[in-house]
Amino acid sequence: MDAKTTSIVAYLTWIGLLVAILGGDKEGAKFHINQALVILLFSLLSIIPCLGWIWGIFMVVCWVMGLIAAINQEEKEVPLIGKIRLLK
């Protein structure tokens, strides 16, 4: 897979993220793989009642922003959690 396809697949599901890490152009799409991983991990906080629901809506907005950036081949960080780097 090329970098654009890998970037888009990384945002789709946990399975897509694993496919992007294992089978895609990891170096070309490292930014988007990292963003997708951070969004998916922070989405786990949405299980908290009341506050978690608001956080879950925010995570969906971040996910859409990241997916649109991947489609347009831009490296835009999502708000609040975009500066976190899990992959070096």
PDB file of N, CA and C in Angstrom:
ATOM      1  N   MET A   1       0.840  -1.185   0.000  1.00  0.00           N
ATOM      2  CA  MET A   1       0.000   0.000   0.000  1.00  0.00           C
ATOM      3  C   MET A   1       0.881   1.242   0.000  1.00  0.00           C
ATOM      4  N   ASP A   2       0.409   2.267  -0.677  1.00  0.00           N
ATOM      5  CA  ASP A   2       1.146   3.525  -0.671  1.00  0.00           C
ATOM      6  C   ASP A   2       0.818   4.313   0.602  1.00  0.00           C
ATOM      7  N   ALA A   3       1.466   5.440   0.784  1.00  0.00           N
ATOM      8  CA  ALA A   3       1.330   6.209   2.021  1.00  0.00           C
ATOM      9  C   ALA A   3      -0.082   6.736   2.216  1.00  0.00           C
ATOM     10  N   LYS A   4      -0.733   7.195   1.148  1.00  0.00           N
ATOM     11  CA  LYS A   4      -2.086   7.741   1.277  1.00  0.00           C
ATOM     12  C   LYS A   4      -3.068   6.652   1.707  1.00  0.00           C
ATOM     13  N   THR A   5      -3.009   5.494   1.067  1.00  0.00           N
ATOM     14  CA  THR A   5      -3.906   4.397   1.412  1.00  0.00           C
ATOM     15  C   THR A   5      -3.653   3.932   2.838  1.00  0.00           C
ATOM     16  N   THR A   6      -2.397   3.828   3.229  1.00  0.00           N
ATOM     17  CA  THR A   6      -2.047   3.423   4.583  1.00  0.00           C
ATOM     18  C   THR A   6      -2.591   4.420   5.596  1.00  0.00           C
ATOM     19  N   SER A   7      -2.493   5.709   5.296  1.00  0.00           N
ATOM     20  CA  SER A   7      -2.998   6.741   6.201  1.00  0.00           C
ATOM     21  C   SER A   7      -4.498   6.626   6.396  1.00  0.00           C
ATOM     22  N   ILE A   8      -5.218   6.392   5.316  1.00  0.00           N
ATOM     23  CA  ILE A   8      -6.677   6.282   5.392  1.00  0.00           C
ATOM     24  C   ILE A   8      -7.089   5.021   6.135  1.00  0.00           C
ATOM     25  N   VAL A   9      -6.452   3.900   5.837  1.00  0.00           N
ATOM     26  CA  VAL A   9      -6.792   2.623   6.475  1.00  0.00           C
ATOM     27  C   VAL A   9      -6.534   2.686   7.977  1.00  0.00           C
ATOM     28  N   ALA A  10      -5.536   3.431   8.403  1.00  0.00           N
ATOM     29  CA  ALA A  10      -5.203   3.523   9.827  1.00  0.00           C
ATOM     30  C   ALA A  10      -6.352   4.087  10.648  1.00  0.00           C
ATOM     31  N   TYR A  11      -7.176   4.947  10.070  1.00  0.00           N
ATOM     32  CA  TYR A  11      -8.276   5.564  10.806  1.00  0.00           C
ATOM     33  C   TYR A  11      -9.530   4.702  10.842  1.00  0.00           C
ATOM     34  N   LEU A  12      -9.613   3.647  10.052  1.00  0.00           N
ATOM     35  CA  LEU A  12     -10.881   2.931   9.923  1.00  0.00           C
ATOM     36  C   LEU A  12     -11.275   2.117  11.149  1.00  0.00           C
ATOM     37  N   THR A  13     -10.472   1.209  11.600  1.00  0.00           N
ATOM     38  CA  THR A  13     -10.785   0.396  12.788  1.00  0.00           C
ATOM     39  C   THR A  13      -9.478  -0.011  13.445  1.00  0.00           C
ATOM     40  N   TRP A  14      -9.570  -0.758  14.547  1.00  0.00           N
ATOM     41  CA  TRP A  14      -8.364  -1.322  15.157  1.00  0.00           C
ATOM     42  C   TRP A  14      -7.674  -2.253  14.175  1.00  0.00           C
ATOM     43  N   ILE A  15      -8.459  -3.003  13.430  1.00  0.00           N
ATOM     44  CA  ILE A  15      -7.883  -3.915  12.436  1.00  0.00           C
ATOM     45  C   ILE A  15      -7.181  -3.114  11.348  1.00  0.00           C
ATOM     46  N   GLY A  16      -7.792  -2.029  10.915  1.00  0.00           N
ATOM     47  CA  GLY A  16      -7.164  -1.164   9.917  1.00  0.00           C
ATOM     48  C   GLY A  16      -5.860  -0.580  10.424  1.00  0.00           C
ATOM     49  N   LEU A  17      -5.842  -0.219  11.697  1.00  0.00           N
ATOM     50  CA  LEU A  17      -4.613   0.306  12.288  1.00  0.00           C
ATOM     51  C   LEU A  17      -3.520  -0.752  12.289  1.00  0.00           C
ATOM     52  N   LEU A  18      -3.874  -1.985  12.648  1.00  0.00           N
ATOM     53  CA  LEU A  18      -2.893  -3.074  12.618  1.00  0.00           C
ATOM     54  C   LEU A  18      -2.402  -3.353  11.204  1.00  0.00           C
ATOM     55  N   VAL A  19      -3.303  -3.326  10.233  1.00  0.00           N
ATOM     56  CA  VAL A  19      -2.912  -3.527   8.836  1.00  0.00           C
ATOM     57  C   VAL A  19      -1.965  -2.421   8.392  1.00  0.00           C
ATOM     58  N   ALA A  20      -2.259  -1.187   8.789  1.00  0.00           N
ATOM     59  CA  ALA A  20      -1.399  -0.058   8.416  1.00  0.00           C
ATOM     60  C   ALA A  20      -0.011  -0.201   9.027  1.00  0.00           C
ATOM     61  N   ILE A  21       0.047  -0.659  10.275  1.00  0.00           N
ATOM     62  CA  ILE A  21       1.343  -0.807  10.942  1.00  0.00           C
ATOM     63  C   ILE A  21       2.140  -1.964  10.342  1.00  0.00           C
ATOM     64  N   LEU A  22       1.472  -3.074  10.109  1.00  0.00           N
ATOM     65  CA  LEU A  22       2.173  -4.277   9.670  1.00  0.00           C
ATOM     66  C   LEU A  22       2.390  -4.356   8.159  1.00  0.00           C
ATOM     67  N   GLY A  23       1.438  -3.876   7.370  1.00  0.00           N
ATOM     68  CA  GLY A  23       1.539  -4.111   5.942  1.00  0.00           C
ATOM     69  C   GLY A  23       1.652  -2.893   5.067  1.00  0.00           C
ATOM     70  N   GLY A  24       1.541  -1.726   5.625  1.00  0.00           N
ATOM     71  CA  GLY A  24       1.533  -0.526   4.801  1.00  0.00           C
ATOM     72  C   GLY A  24       2.872   0.189   4.774  1.00  0.00           C
ATOM     73  N   ASP A  25       2.856   1.353   4.155  1.00  0.00           N
ATOM     74  CA  ASP A  25       4.030   2.214   4.078  1.00  0.00           C
ATOM     75  C   ASP A  25       4.152   2.952   5.411  1.00  0.00           C
ATOM     76  N   LYS A  26       4.773   2.307   6.387  1.00  0.00           N
ATOM     77  CA  LYS A  26       4.807   2.838   7.743  1.00  0.00           C
ATOM     78  C   LYS A  26       5.547   4.171   7.828  1.00  0.00           C
ATOM     79  N   GLU A  27       6.639   4.303   7.133  1.00  0.00           N
ATOM     80  CA  GLU A  27       7.416   5.546   7.201  1.00  0.00           C
ATOM     81  C   GLU A  27       6.685   6.708   6.549  1.00  0.00           C
ATOM     82  N   GLY A  28       6.032   6.455   5.424  1.00  0.00           N
ATOM     83  CA  GLY A  28       5.315   7.520   4.726  1.00  0.00           C
ATOM     84  C   GLY A  28       4.061   7.968   5.445  1.00  0.00           C
ATOM     85  N   ALA A  29       3.467   7.088   6.240  1.00  0.00           N
ATOM     86  CA  ALA A  29       2.205   7.385   6.911  1.00  0.00           C
ATOM     87  C   ALA A  29       2.349   7.413   8.425  1.00  0.00           C
ATOM     88  N   LYS A  30       3.553   7.561   8.928  1.00  0.00           N
ATOM     89  CA  LYS A  30       3.800   7.493  10.371  1.00  0.00           C
ATOM     90  C   LYS A  30       2.974   8.519  11.140  1.00  0.00           C
ATOM     91  N   PHE A  31       2.850   9.721  10.609  1.00  0.00           N
ATOM     92  CA  PHE A  31       2.088  10.768  11.292  1.00  0.00           C
ATOM     93  C   PHE A  31       0.642  10.331  11.505  1.00  0.00           C
ATOM     94  N   HIS A  32      -0.001   9.836  10.451  1.00  0.00           N
ATOM     95  CA  HIS A  32      -1.412   9.467  10.546  1.00  0.00           C
ATOM     96  C   HIS A  32      -1.616   8.178  11.344  1.00  0.00           C
ATOM     97  N   ILE A  33      -0.680   7.257  11.276  1.00  0.00           N
ATOM     98  CA  ILE A  33      -0.771   6.052  12.110  1.00  0.00           C
ATOM     99  C   ILE A  33      -0.714   6.447  13.582  1.00  0.00           C
ATOM    100  N   ASN A  34       0.167   7.365  13.922  1.00  0.00           N
ATOM    101  CA  ASN A  34       0.276   7.843  15.298  1.00  0.00           C
ATOM    102  C   ASN A  34      -1.007   8.554  15.728  1.00  0.00           C
ATOM    103  N   GLN A  35      -1.530   9.441  14.882  1.00  0.00           N
ATOM    104  CA  GLN A  35      -2.754  10.163  15.217  1.00  0.00           C
ATOM    105  C   GLN A  35      -3.922   9.203  15.425  1.00  0.00           C
ATOM    106  N   ALA A  36      -4.046   8.211  14.553  1.00  0.00           N
ATOM    107  CA  ALA A  36      -5.134   7.239  14.673  1.00  0.00           C
ATOM    108  C   ALA A  36      -4.993   6.429  15.965  1.00  0.00           C
ATOM    109  N   LEU A  37      -3.780   6.058  16.317  1.00  0.00           N
ATOM    110  CA  LEU A  37      -3.541   5.301  17.548  1.00  0.00           C
ATOM    111  C   LEU A  37      -3.903   6.126  18.778  1.00  0.00           C
ATOM    112  N   VAL A  38      -3.517   7.384  18.794  1.00  0.00           N
ATOM    113  CA  VAL A  38      -3.828   8.269  19.924  1.00  0.00           C
ATOM    114  C   VAL A  38      -5.339   8.461  20.039  1.00  0.00           C
ATOM    115  N   ILE A  39      -6.015   8.685  18.918  1.00  0.00           N
ATOM    116  CA  ILE A  39      -7.469   8.873  18.945  1.00  0.00           C
ATOM    117  C   ILE A  39      -8.164   7.613  19.457  1.00  0.00           C
ATOM    118  N   LEU A  40      -7.748   6.454  18.984  1.00  0.00           N
ATOM    119  CA  LEU A  40      -8.387   5.214  19.429  1.00  0.00           C
ATOM    120  C   LEU A  40      -8.145   4.947  20.914  1.00  0.00           C
ATOM    121  N   LEU A  41      -6.951   5.222  21.400  1.00  0.00           N
ATOM    122  CA  LEU A  41      -6.666   4.998  22.822  1.00  0.00           C
ATOM    123  C   LEU A  41      -7.428   5.981  23.716  1.00  0.00           C
ATOM    124  N   PHE A  42      -7.461   7.242  23.332  1.00  0.00           N
ATOM    125  CA  PHE A  42      -8.178   8.228  24.135  1.00  0.00           C
ATOM    126  C   PHE A  42      -9.692   8.053  24.035  1.00  0.00           C
ATOM    127  N   SER A  43     -10.164   7.387  23.000  1.00  0.00           N
ATOM    128  CA  SER A  43     -11.600   7.105  22.873  1.00  0.00           C
ATOM    129  C   SER A  43     -12.074   6.155  23.958  1.00  0.00           C
ATOM    130  N   LEU A  44     -11.175   5.388  24.522  1.00  0.00           N
ATOM    131  CA  LEU A  44     -11.548   4.469  25.596  1.00  0.00           C
ATOM    132  C   LEU A  44     -12.063   5.211  26.831  1.00  0.00           C
ATOM    133  N   LEU A  45     -11.695   6.482  26.972  1.00  0.00           N
ATOM    134  CA  LEU A  45     -12.180   7.280  28.108  1.00  0.00           C
ATOM    135  C   LEU A  45     -13.656   7.617  27.991  1.00  0.00           C
ATOM    136  N   SER A  46     -14.250   7.361  26.852  1.00  0.00           N
ATOM    137  CA  SER A  46     -15.657   7.708  26.665  1.00  0.00           C
ATOM    138  C   SER A  46     -16.604   6.765  27.401  1.00  0.00           C
ATOM    139  N   ILE A  47     -16.088   5.733  28.057  1.00  0.00           N
ATOM    140  CA  ILE A  47     -16.956   4.836  28.823  1.00  0.00           C
ATOM    141  C   ILE A  47     -17.360   5.428  30.174  1.00  0.00           C
ATOM    142  N   ILE A  48     -16.731   6.520  30.562  1.00  0.00           N
ATOM    143  CA  ILE A  48     -17.073   7.202  31.805  1.00  0.00           C
ATOM    144  C   ILE A  48     -18.438   7.874  31.623  1.00  0.00           C
ATOM    145  N   PRO A  49     -19.381   7.651  32.534  1.00  0.00           N
ATOM    146  CA  PRO A  49     -20.707   8.270  32.388  1.00  0.00           C
ATOM    147  C   PRO A  49     -20.638   9.800  32.375  1.00  0.00           C
ATOM    148  N   CYS A  50     -21.547  10.413  31.697  1.00  0.00           N
ATOM    149  CA  CYS A  50     -21.739  11.866  31.559  1.00  0.00           C
ATOM    150  C   CYS A  50     -20.560  12.558  30.880  1.00  0.00           C
ATOM    151  N   LEU A  51     -19.461  12.746  31.566  1.00  0.00           N
ATOM    152  CA  LEU A  51     -18.306  13.407  30.964  1.00  0.00           C
ATOM    153  C   LEU A  51     -17.754  12.600  29.798  1.00  0.00           C
ATOM    154  N   GLY A  52     -17.809  11.307  29.920  1.00  0.00           N
ATOM    155  CA  GLY A  52     -17.319  10.434  28.866  1.00  0.00           C
ATOM    156  C   GLY A  52     -18.100  10.557  27.575  1.00  0.00           C
ATOM    157  N   TRP A  53     -19.382  10.846  27.701  1.00  0.00           N
ATOM    158  CA  TRP A  53     -20.199  10.994  26.501  1.00  0.00           C
ATOM    159  C   TRP A  53     -19.785  12.237  25.724  1.00  0.00           C
ATOM    160  N   ILE A  54     -19.520  13.308  26.432  1.00  0.00           N
ATOM    161  CA  ILE A  54     -19.034  14.532  25.777  1.00  0.00           C
ATOM    162  C   ILE A  54     -17.665  14.263  25.160  1.00  0.00           C
ATOM    163  N   TRP A  55     -16.815  13.558  25.904  1.00  0.00           N
ATOM    164  CA  TRP A  55     -15.484  13.203  25.393  1.00  0.00           C
ATOM    165  C   TRP A  55     -15.612  12.320  24.155  1.00  0.00           C
ATOM    166  N   GLY A  56     -16.578  11.407  24.148  1.00  0.00           N
ATOM    167  CA  GLY A  56     -16.799  10.530  23.003  1.00  0.00           C
ATOM    168  C   GLY A  56     -17.188  11.313  21.758  1.00  0.00           C
ATOM    169  N   ILE A  57     -18.027  12.312  21.924  1.00  0.00           N
ATOM    170  CA  ILE A  57     -18.400  13.171  20.786  1.00  0.00           C
ATOM    171  C   ILE A  57     -17.177  13.915  20.281  1.00  0.00           C
ATOM    172  N   PHE A  58     -16.359  14.420  21.204  1.00  0.00           N
ATOM    173  CA  PHE A  58     -15.133  15.113  20.810  1.00  0.00           C
ATOM    174  C   PHE A  58     -14.193  14.171  20.052  1.00  0.00           C
ATOM    175  N   MET A  59     -14.111  12.922  20.488  1.00  0.00           N
ATOM    176  CA  MET A  59     -13.247  11.943  19.818  1.00  0.00           C
ATOM    177  C   MET A  59     -13.746  11.627  18.412  1.00  0.00           C
ATOM    178  N   VAL A  60     -15.058  11.584  18.222  1.00  0.00           N
ATOM    179  CA  VAL A  60     -15.610  11.369  16.878  1.00  0.00           C
ATOM    180  C   VAL A  60     -15.246  12.540  15.969  1.00  0.00           C
ATOM    181  N   VAL A  61     -15.332  13.752  16.495  1.00  0.00           N
ATOM    182  CA  VAL A  61     -14.948  14.935  15.720  1.00  0.00           C
ATOM    183  C   VAL A  61     -13.459  14.869  15.366  1.00  0.00           C
ATOM    184  N   CYS A  62     -12.619  14.489  16.326  1.00  0.00           N
ATOM    185  CA  CYS A  62     -11.180  14.349  16.056  1.00  0.00           C
ATOM    186  C   CYS A  62     -10.921  13.276  15.002  1.00  0.00           C
ATOM    187  N   TRP A  63     -11.661  12.160  15.096  1.00  0.00           N
ATOM    188  CA  TRP A  63     -11.503  11.076  14.131  1.00  0.00           C
ATOM    189  C   TRP A  63     -11.839  11.561  12.719  1.00  0.00           C
ATOM    190  N   VAL A  64     -12.939  12.303  12.584  1.00  0.00           N
ATOM    191  CA  VAL A  64     -13.334  12.823  11.267  1.00  0.00           C
ATOM    192  C   VAL A  64     -12.284  13.807  10.747  1.00  0.00           C
ATOM    193  N   MET A  65     -11.788  14.670  11.626  1.00  0.00           N
ATOM    194  CA  MET A  65     -10.753  15.627  11.221  1.00  0.00           C
ATOM    195  C   MET A  65      -9.493  14.907  10.742  1.00  0.00           C
ATOM    196  N   GLY A  66      -9.095  13.865  11.463  1.00  0.00           N
ATOM    197  CA  GLY A  66      -7.912  13.100  11.073  1.00  0.00           C
ATOM    198  C   GLY A  66      -8.114  12.369   9.771  1.00  0.00           C
ATOM    199  N   LEU A  67      -9.294  11.781   9.575  1.00  0.00           N
ATOM    200  CA  LEU A  67      -9.586  11.069   8.337  1.00  0.00           C
ATOM    201  C   LEU A  67      -9.592  12.012   7.143  1.00  0.00           C
ATOM    202  N   ILE A  68     -10.179  13.178   7.296  1.00  0.00           N
ATOM    203  CA  ILE A  68     -10.190  14.165   6.210  1.00  0.00           C
ATOM    204  C   ILE A  68      -8.773  14.628   5.898  1.00  0.00           C
ATOM    205  N   ALA A  69      -7.953  14.837   6.916  1.00  0.00           N
ATOM    206  CA  ALA A  69      -6.559  15.232   6.697  1.00  0.00           C
ATOM    207  C   ALA A  69      -5.798  14.127   5.961  1.00  0.00           C
ATOM    208  N   ALA A  70      -6.067  12.869   6.293  1.00  0.00           N
ATOM    209  CA  ALA A  70      -5.403  11.753   5.610  1.00  0.00           C
ATOM    210  C   ALA A  70      -5.835  11.673   4.149  1.00  0.00           C
ATOM    211  N   ILE A  71      -7.112  11.889   3.887  1.00  0.00           N
ATOM    212  CA  ILE A  71      -7.608  11.861   2.506  1.00  0.00           C
ATOM    213  C   ILE A  71      -6.967  12.972   1.689  1.00  0.00           C
ATOM    214  N   ASN A  72      -6.808  14.153   2.299  1.00  0.00           N
ATOM    215  CA  ASN A  72      -6.198  15.295   1.601  1.00  0.00           C
ATOM    216  C   ASN A  72      -4.674  15.285   1.660  1.00  0.00           C
ATOM    217  N   GLN A  73      -4.084  14.284   2.263  1.00  0.00           N
ATOM    218  CA  GLN A  73      -2.635  14.131   2.425  1.00  0.00           C
ATOM    219  C   GLN A  73      -2.006  15.324   3.134  1.00  0.00           C
ATOM    220  N   GLU A  74      -2.675  15.783   4.189  1.00  0.00           N
ATOM    221  CA  GLU A  74      -2.167  16.872   5.016  1.00  0.00           C
ATOM    222  C   GLU A  74      -1.760  16.310   6.372  1.00  0.00           C
ATOM    223  N   GLU A  75      -0.833  16.947   7.027  1.00  0.00           N
ATOM    224  CA  GLU A  75      -0.419  16.532   8.370  1.00  0.00           C
ATOM    225  C   GLU A  75      -0.905  17.555   9.383  1.00  0.00           C
ATOM    226  N   LYS A  76      -2.209  17.555   9.627  1.00  0.00           N
ATOM    227  CA  LYS A  76      -2.821  18.444  10.612  1.00  0.00           C
ATOM    228  C   LYS A  76      -3.035  17.666  11.907  1.00  0.00           C
ATOM    229  N   GLU A  77      -2.585  18.250  13.006  1.00  0.00           N
ATOM    230  CA  GLU A  77      -2.794  17.615  14.307  1.00  0.00           C
ATOM    231  C   GLU A  77      -4.222  17.861  14.771  1.00  0.00           C
ATOM    232  N   VAL A  78      -4.798  16.865  15.432  1.00  0.00           N
ATOM    233  CA  VAL A  78      -6.132  17.044  15.999  1.00  0.00           C
ATOM    234  C   VAL A  78      -6.008  17.876  17.275  1.00  0.00           C
ATOM    235  N   PRO A  79      -7.072  18.564  17.681  1.00  0.00           N
ATOM    236  CA  PRO A  79      -7.001  19.412  18.878  1.00  0.00           C
ATOM    237  C   PRO A  79      -6.751  18.608  20.163  1.00  0.00           C
ATOM    238  N   LEU A  80      -6.104  19.218  21.104  1.00  0.00           N
ATOM    239  CA  LEU A  80      -5.812  18.713  22.453  1.00  0.00           C
ATOM    240  C   LEU A  80      -4.860  17.521  22.490  1.00  0.00           C
ATOM    241  N   ILE A  81      -5.095  16.485  21.726  1.00  0.00           N
ATOM    242  CA  ILE A  81      -4.294  15.261  21.842  1.00  0.00           C
ATOM    243  C   ILE A  81      -3.346  15.072  20.660  1.00  0.00           C
ATOM    244  N   GLY A  82      -3.327  15.986  19.728  1.00  0.00           N
ATOM    245  CA  GLY A  82      -2.544  15.836  18.515  1.00  0.00           C
ATOM    246  C   GLY A  82      -1.040  15.879  18.698  1.00  0.00           C
ATOM    247  N   LYS A  83      -0.574  16.483  19.774  1.00  0.00           N
ATOM    248  CA  LYS A  83       0.871  16.597  19.988  1.00  0.00           C
ATOM    249  C   LYS A  83       1.478  15.362  20.651  1.00  0.00           C
ATOM    250  N   ILE A  84       0.643  14.419  21.061  1.00  0.00           N
ATOM    251  CA  ILE A  84       1.137  13.208  21.716  1.00  0.00           C
ATOM    252  C   ILE A  84       1.734  12.284  20.672  1.00  0.00           C
ATOM    253  N   ARG A  85       2.949  11.829  20.909  1.00  0.00           N
ATOM    254  CA  ARG A  85       3.638  10.921  19.983  1.00  0.00           C
ATOM    255  C   ARG A  85       3.863   9.589  20.668  1.00  0.00           C
ATOM    256  N   LEU A  86       3.206   8.554  20.178  1.00  0.00           N
ATOM    257  CA  LEU A  86       3.393   7.209  20.708  1.00  0.00           C
ATOM    258  C   LEU A  86       4.373   6.409  19.863  1.00  0.00           C
ATOM    259  N   LEU A  87       4.443   6.730  18.587  1.00  0.00           N
ATOM    260  CA  LEU A  87       5.376   6.058  17.682  1.00  0.00           C
ATOM    261  C   LEU A  87       6.528   6.995  17.363  1.00  0.00           C
ATOM    262  N   LYS A  88       7.709   6.494  17.476  1.00  0.00           N
ATOM    263  CA  LYS A  88       8.898   7.314  17.171  1.00  0.00           C
ATOM    264  C   LYS A  88       9.397   7.007  15.789  1.00  0.00           C
TER     265      LYS A  88
END
